[in-house]
Amino acid sequence: MFEIYESRSSRRSLKKLPVKILQRYEKWKDIIRLSGIQGLRLIKELHDEALKGKWAGYRSSRLGIQYRVIYTVKKKEVYIEVFDITAHDYRKK
């Protein structure tokens, strides 16, 4: 069983999200609490994946076509730290 800690930036992001995305985030948290990352991997539409580059060490799950939850797993303490919930930027940089 995992505990979920939300960063200050993620709590601020929650206030700006559409209701449908908030509901999906709550379901995402339920899945994490009960079965961890393995549970997320069983649900293909969440497309849970490890990030690369400057985000190495973090993971991302889809909450919709546009929105992602970015988080990291602290194995020693067995908890999930949600870094941010943000709209995905599809523009090339």
N, C-alpha and C. Protein backbone atom coordinates (compact mmCIF):
# COMPACT_ATOMS: atom_id res chain seq x y z
N MET A 1 0.84 -1.18 0.00
CA MET A 1 0.00 0.00 0.00
C MET A 1 0.88 1.25 0.00
N PHE A 2 0.60 2.15 -0.90
CA PHE A 2 1.38 3.37 -1.07
C PHE A 2 0.65 4.57 -0.47
N GLU A 3 1.42 5.51 0.03
CA GLU A 3 0.88 6.80 0.44
C GLU A 3 1.22 7.81 -0.64
N ILE A 4 0.35 8.79 -0.84
CA ILE A 4 0.55 9.79 -1.88
C ILE A 4 0.73 11.15 -1.23
N TYR A 5 1.82 11.81 -1.57
CA TYR A 5 2.10 13.16 -1.12
C TYR A 5 2.07 14.08 -2.33
N GLU A 6 1.34 15.16 -2.21
CA GLU A 6 1.22 16.11 -3.32
C GLU A 6 2.09 17.33 -3.03
N SER A 7 2.90 17.73 -4.00
CA SER A 7 3.73 18.92 -3.84
C SER A 7 2.85 20.16 -3.85
N ARG A 8 3.42 21.26 -3.45
CA ARG A 8 2.68 22.52 -3.43
C ARG A 8 2.25 22.89 -4.85
N SER A 9 3.12 22.67 -5.84
CA SER A 9 2.76 23.02 -7.22
C SER A 9 1.63 22.13 -7.73
N SER A 10 1.61 20.87 -7.32
CA SER A 10 0.51 20.00 -7.77
C SER A 10 -0.80 20.40 -7.12
N ARG A 11 -0.77 20.83 -5.86
CA ARG A 11 -2.01 21.28 -5.21
C ARG A 11 -2.54 22.54 -5.88
N ARG A 12 -1.64 23.44 -6.31
CA ARG A 12 -2.08 24.63 -7.05
C ARG A 12 -2.66 24.24 -8.40
N SER A 13 -2.06 23.25 -9.05
CA SER A 13 -2.55 22.80 -10.36
C SER A 13 -3.95 22.22 -10.25
N LEU A 14 -4.25 21.55 -9.15
CA LEU A 14 -5.56 20.92 -8.97
C LEU A 14 -6.69 21.93 -9.03
N LYS A 15 -6.44 23.14 -8.55
CA LYS A 15 -7.48 24.18 -8.53
C LYS A 15 -7.88 24.64 -9.93
N LYS A 16 -6.99 24.44 -10.90
CA LYS A 16 -7.22 24.92 -12.26
C LYS A 16 -7.74 23.85 -13.21
N LEU A 17 -7.81 22.61 -12.76
CA LEU A 17 -8.17 21.50 -13.65
C LEU A 17 -9.67 21.39 -13.86
N PRO A 18 -10.07 20.89 -15.03
CA PRO A 18 -11.50 20.59 -15.26
C PRO A 18 -11.96 19.47 -14.33
N VAL A 19 -13.25 19.45 -14.03
CA VAL A 19 -13.82 18.48 -13.11
C VAL A 19 -13.56 17.04 -13.57
N LYS A 20 -13.67 16.78 -14.85
CA LYS A 20 -13.46 15.42 -15.38
C LYS A 20 -12.03 14.95 -15.12
N ILE A 21 -11.06 15.83 -15.25
CA ILE A 21 -9.66 15.46 -14.99
C ILE A 21 -9.44 15.25 -13.50
N LEU A 22 -10.09 16.06 -12.67
CA LEU A 22 -9.99 15.86 -11.21
C LEU A 22 -10.54 14.49 -10.81
N GLN A 23 -11.64 14.09 -11.43
CA GLN A 23 -12.21 12.77 -11.14
C GLN A 23 -11.26 11.66 -11.56
N ARG A 24 -10.62 11.80 -12.69
CA ARG A 24 -9.65 10.79 -13.15
C ARG A 24 -8.43 10.75 -12.23
N TYR A 25 -8.02 11.92 -11.75
CA TYR A 25 -6.89 11.98 -10.82
C TYR A 25 -7.23 11.24 -9.52
N GLU A 26 -8.44 11.41 -9.03
CA GLU A 26 -8.87 10.70 -7.82
C GLU A 26 -8.86 9.18 -8.04
N LYS A 27 -9.30 8.73 -9.20
CA LYS A 27 -9.25 7.30 -9.53
C LYS A 27 -7.81 6.82 -9.65
N TRP A 28 -6.94 7.66 -10.24
CA TRP A 28 -5.51 7.35 -10.35
C TRP A 28 -4.93 7.14 -8.95
N LYS A 29 -5.28 8.03 -8.03
CA LYS A 29 -4.77 7.90 -6.66
C LYS A 29 -5.27 6.61 -5.99
N ASP A 30 -6.52 6.24 -6.25
CA ASP A 30 -7.06 4.99 -5.69
C ASP A 30 -6.29 3.78 -6.21
N ILE A 31 -5.99 3.78 -7.50
CA ILE A 31 -5.23 2.67 -8.09
C ILE A 31 -3.85 2.58 -7.47
N ILE A 32 -3.17 3.73 -7.33
CA ILE A 32 -1.84 3.76 -6.72
C ILE A 32 -1.89 3.24 -5.29
N ARG A 33 -2.84 3.71 -4.51
CA ARG A 33 -2.93 3.29 -3.11
C ARG A 33 -3.10 1.78 -2.97
N LEU A 34 -3.92 1.20 -3.83
CA LEU A 34 -4.24 -0.21 -3.71
C LEU A 34 -3.20 -1.14 -4.33
N SER A 35 -2.67 -0.76 -5.51
CA SER A 35 -1.80 -1.71 -6.20
C SER A 35 -0.52 -1.12 -6.77
N GLY A 36 -0.22 0.14 -6.48
CA GLY A 36 1.03 0.73 -6.91
C GLY A 36 1.16 0.86 -8.42
N ILE A 37 2.39 0.96 -8.88
CA ILE A 37 2.66 1.14 -10.31
C ILE A 37 2.19 -0.05 -11.12
N GLN A 38 2.25 -1.24 -10.56
CA GLN A 38 1.81 -2.43 -11.29
C GLN A 38 0.34 -2.30 -11.68
N GLY A 39 -0.47 -1.72 -10.82
CA GLY A 39 -1.87 -1.50 -11.13
C GLY A 39 -2.06 -0.51 -12.26
N LEU A 40 -1.21 0.52 -12.29
CA LEU A 40 -1.29 1.51 -13.38
C LEU A 40 -0.93 0.88 -14.71
N ARG A 41 0.04 -0.01 -14.70
CA ARG A 41 0.47 -0.66 -15.94
C ARG A 41 -0.60 -1.56 -16.53
N LEU A 42 -1.50 -2.06 -15.70
CA LEU A 42 -2.57 -2.93 -16.19
C LEU A 42 -3.63 -2.15 -16.97
N ILE A 43 -3.73 -0.85 -16.73
CA ILE A 43 -4.71 -0.01 -17.41
C ILE A 43 -4.01 0.72 -18.53
N LYS A 44 -4.17 0.23 -19.74
CA LYS A 44 -3.42 0.73 -20.91
C LYS A 44 -3.69 2.21 -21.20
N GLU A 45 -4.91 2.69 -20.97
CA GLU A 45 -5.23 4.08 -21.32
C GLU A 45 -4.47 5.09 -20.47
N LEU A 46 -3.95 4.68 -19.32
CA LEU A 46 -3.15 5.59 -18.49
C LEU A 46 -1.75 5.78 -19.05
N HIS A 47 -1.29 4.84 -19.84
CA HIS A 47 0.02 4.90 -20.50
C HIS A 47 1.10 5.36 -19.53
N ASP A 48 1.21 4.65 -18.42
CA ASP A 48 2.22 4.97 -17.41
C ASP A 48 3.60 4.65 -17.96
N GLU A 49 4.54 5.60 -17.83
CA GLU A 49 5.88 5.40 -18.38
C GLU A 49 6.93 6.16 -17.58
N ALA A 50 8.14 5.65 -17.63
CA ALA A 50 9.29 6.34 -17.04
C ALA A 50 9.71 7.45 -17.99
N LEU A 51 10.09 8.60 -17.44
CA LEU A 51 10.52 9.72 -18.26
C LEU A 51 12.03 9.71 -18.44
N LYS A 52 12.50 10.39 -19.47
CA LYS A 52 13.93 10.41 -19.80
C LYS A 52 14.45 11.84 -19.78
N GLY A 53 15.75 11.98 -20.00
CA GLY A 53 16.37 13.30 -20.09
C GLY A 53 16.39 14.01 -18.76
N LYS A 54 15.99 15.28 -18.76
CA LYS A 54 16.03 16.06 -17.52
C LYS A 54 14.99 15.56 -16.51
N TRP A 55 14.03 14.77 -16.96
CA TRP A 55 13.00 14.20 -16.08
C TRP A 55 13.33 12.77 -15.64
N ALA A 56 14.54 12.32 -15.86
CA ALA A 56 14.94 10.97 -15.45
C ALA A 56 14.67 10.79 -13.95
N GLY A 57 14.10 9.65 -13.60
CA GLY A 57 13.74 9.38 -12.21
C GLY A 57 12.27 9.66 -11.91
N TYR A 58 11.57 10.31 -12.83
CA TYR A 58 10.15 10.60 -12.69
C TYR A 58 9.36 9.69 -13.61
N ARG A 59 8.05 9.61 -13.36
CA ARG A 59 7.15 8.83 -14.19
C ARG A 59 5.98 9.73 -14.60
N SER A 60 5.26 9.32 -15.63
CA SER A 60 4.13 10.07 -16.13
C SER A 60 2.97 9.12 -16.42
N SER A 61 1.76 9.57 -16.08
CA SER A 61 0.53 8.83 -16.42
C SER A 61 -0.44 9.80 -17.07
N ARG A 62 -1.18 9.33 -18.05
CA ARG A 62 -2.18 10.15 -18.73
C ARG A 62 -3.46 10.21 -17.91
N LEU A 63 -3.99 11.42 -17.79
CA LEU A 63 -5.31 11.59 -17.18
C LEU A 63 -6.34 11.92 -18.24
N GLY A 64 -5.89 12.12 -19.44
CA GLY A 64 -6.72 12.46 -20.58
C GLY A 64 -5.79 12.63 -21.76
N ILE A 65 -6.33 13.09 -22.87
CA ILE A 65 -5.49 13.30 -24.05
C ILE A 65 -4.44 14.37 -23.76
N GLN A 66 -4.83 15.40 -23.04
CA GLN A 66 -3.95 16.53 -22.83
C GLN A 66 -3.23 16.51 -21.48
N TYR A 67 -3.83 15.99 -20.44
CA TYR A 67 -3.29 16.13 -19.09
C TYR A 67 -2.47 14.93 -18.63
N ARG A 68 -1.39 15.22 -17.90
CA ARG A 68 -0.49 14.20 -17.35
C ARG A 68 -0.28 14.46 -15.87
N VAL A 69 -0.08 13.40 -15.12
CA VAL A 69 0.38 13.52 -13.74
C VAL A 69 1.84 13.07 -13.75
N ILE A 70 2.71 13.89 -13.21
CA ILE A 70 4.14 13.59 -13.14
C ILE A 70 4.46 13.29 -11.69
N TYR A 71 5.07 12.12 -11.46
CA TYR A 71 5.32 11.70 -10.09
C TYR A 71 6.62 10.92 -9.99
N THR A 72 7.06 10.70 -8.77
CA THR A 72 8.23 9.88 -8.51
C THR A 72 7.91 8.90 -7.39
N VAL A 73 8.60 7.79 -7.38
CA VAL A 73 8.38 6.75 -6.38
C VAL A 73 9.58 6.74 -5.43
N LYS A 74 9.31 6.90 -4.15
CA LYS A 74 10.34 6.82 -3.13
C LYS A 74 10.25 5.42 -2.53
N LYS A 75 11.11 4.51 -2.97
CA LYS A 75 10.99 3.10 -2.59
C LYS A 75 11.25 2.84 -1.12
N LYS A 76 12.22 3.52 -0.54
CA LYS A 76 12.54 3.25 0.86
C LYS A 76 11.37 3.57 1.78
N GLU A 77 10.68 4.69 1.49
CA GLU A 77 9.56 5.09 2.33
C GLU A 77 8.23 4.54 1.83
N VAL A 78 8.22 3.93 0.67
CA VAL A 78 7.03 3.38 0.02
C VAL A 78 5.93 4.44 -0.10
N TYR A 79 6.28 5.54 -0.75
CA TYR A 79 5.25 6.53 -1.04
C TYR A 79 5.48 7.16 -2.40
N ILE A 80 4.42 7.74 -2.91
CA ILE A 80 4.41 8.39 -4.21
C ILE A 80 4.38 9.89 -3.98
N GLU A 81 5.26 10.62 -4.64
CA GLU A 81 5.25 12.08 -4.55
C GLU A 81 4.81 12.63 -5.90
N VAL A 82 3.65 13.29 -5.91
CA VAL A 82 3.12 13.89 -7.14
C VAL A 82 3.79 15.23 -7.31
N PHE A 83 4.52 15.38 -8.41
CA PHE A 83 5.25 16.61 -8.68
C PHE A 83 4.34 17.65 -9.32
N ASP A 84 3.59 17.27 -10.33
CA ASP A 84 2.75 18.23 -11.03
C ASP A 84 1.68 17.51 -11.83
N ILE A 85 0.60 18.22 -12.09
CA ILE A 85 -0.46 17.77 -12.98
C ILE A 85 -0.59 18.87 -14.00
N THR A 86 -0.28 18.58 -15.24
CA THR A 86 -0.16 19.64 -16.23
C THR A 86 -0.69 19.22 -17.58
N ALA A 87 -1.03 20.24 -18.36
CA ALA A 87 -1.42 19.98 -19.75
C ALA A 87 -0.15 19.65 -20.52
N HIS A 88 -0.19 18.63 -21.32
CA HIS A 88 0.97 18.20 -22.10
C HIS A 88 1.22 19.18 -23.22
N ASP A 89 2.45 19.59 -23.40
CA ASP A 89 2.82 20.54 -24.45
C ASP A 89 3.33 19.75 -25.65
N TYR A 90 2.59 19.80 -26.74
CA TYR A 90 2.94 19.05 -27.94
C TYR A 90 3.84 19.81 -28.90
N ARG A 91 4.12 21.08 -28.62
CA ARG A 91 4.97 21.87 -29.51
C ARG A 91 6.41 21.39 -29.45
N LYS A 92 7.09 21.41 -30.59
CA LYS A 92 8.51 21.06 -30.62
C LYS A 92 9.31 22.25 -30.11
N LYS A 93 10.38 21.93 -29.41
CA LYS A 93 11.20 23.00 -28.84
C LYS A 93 12.55 23.02 -29.49
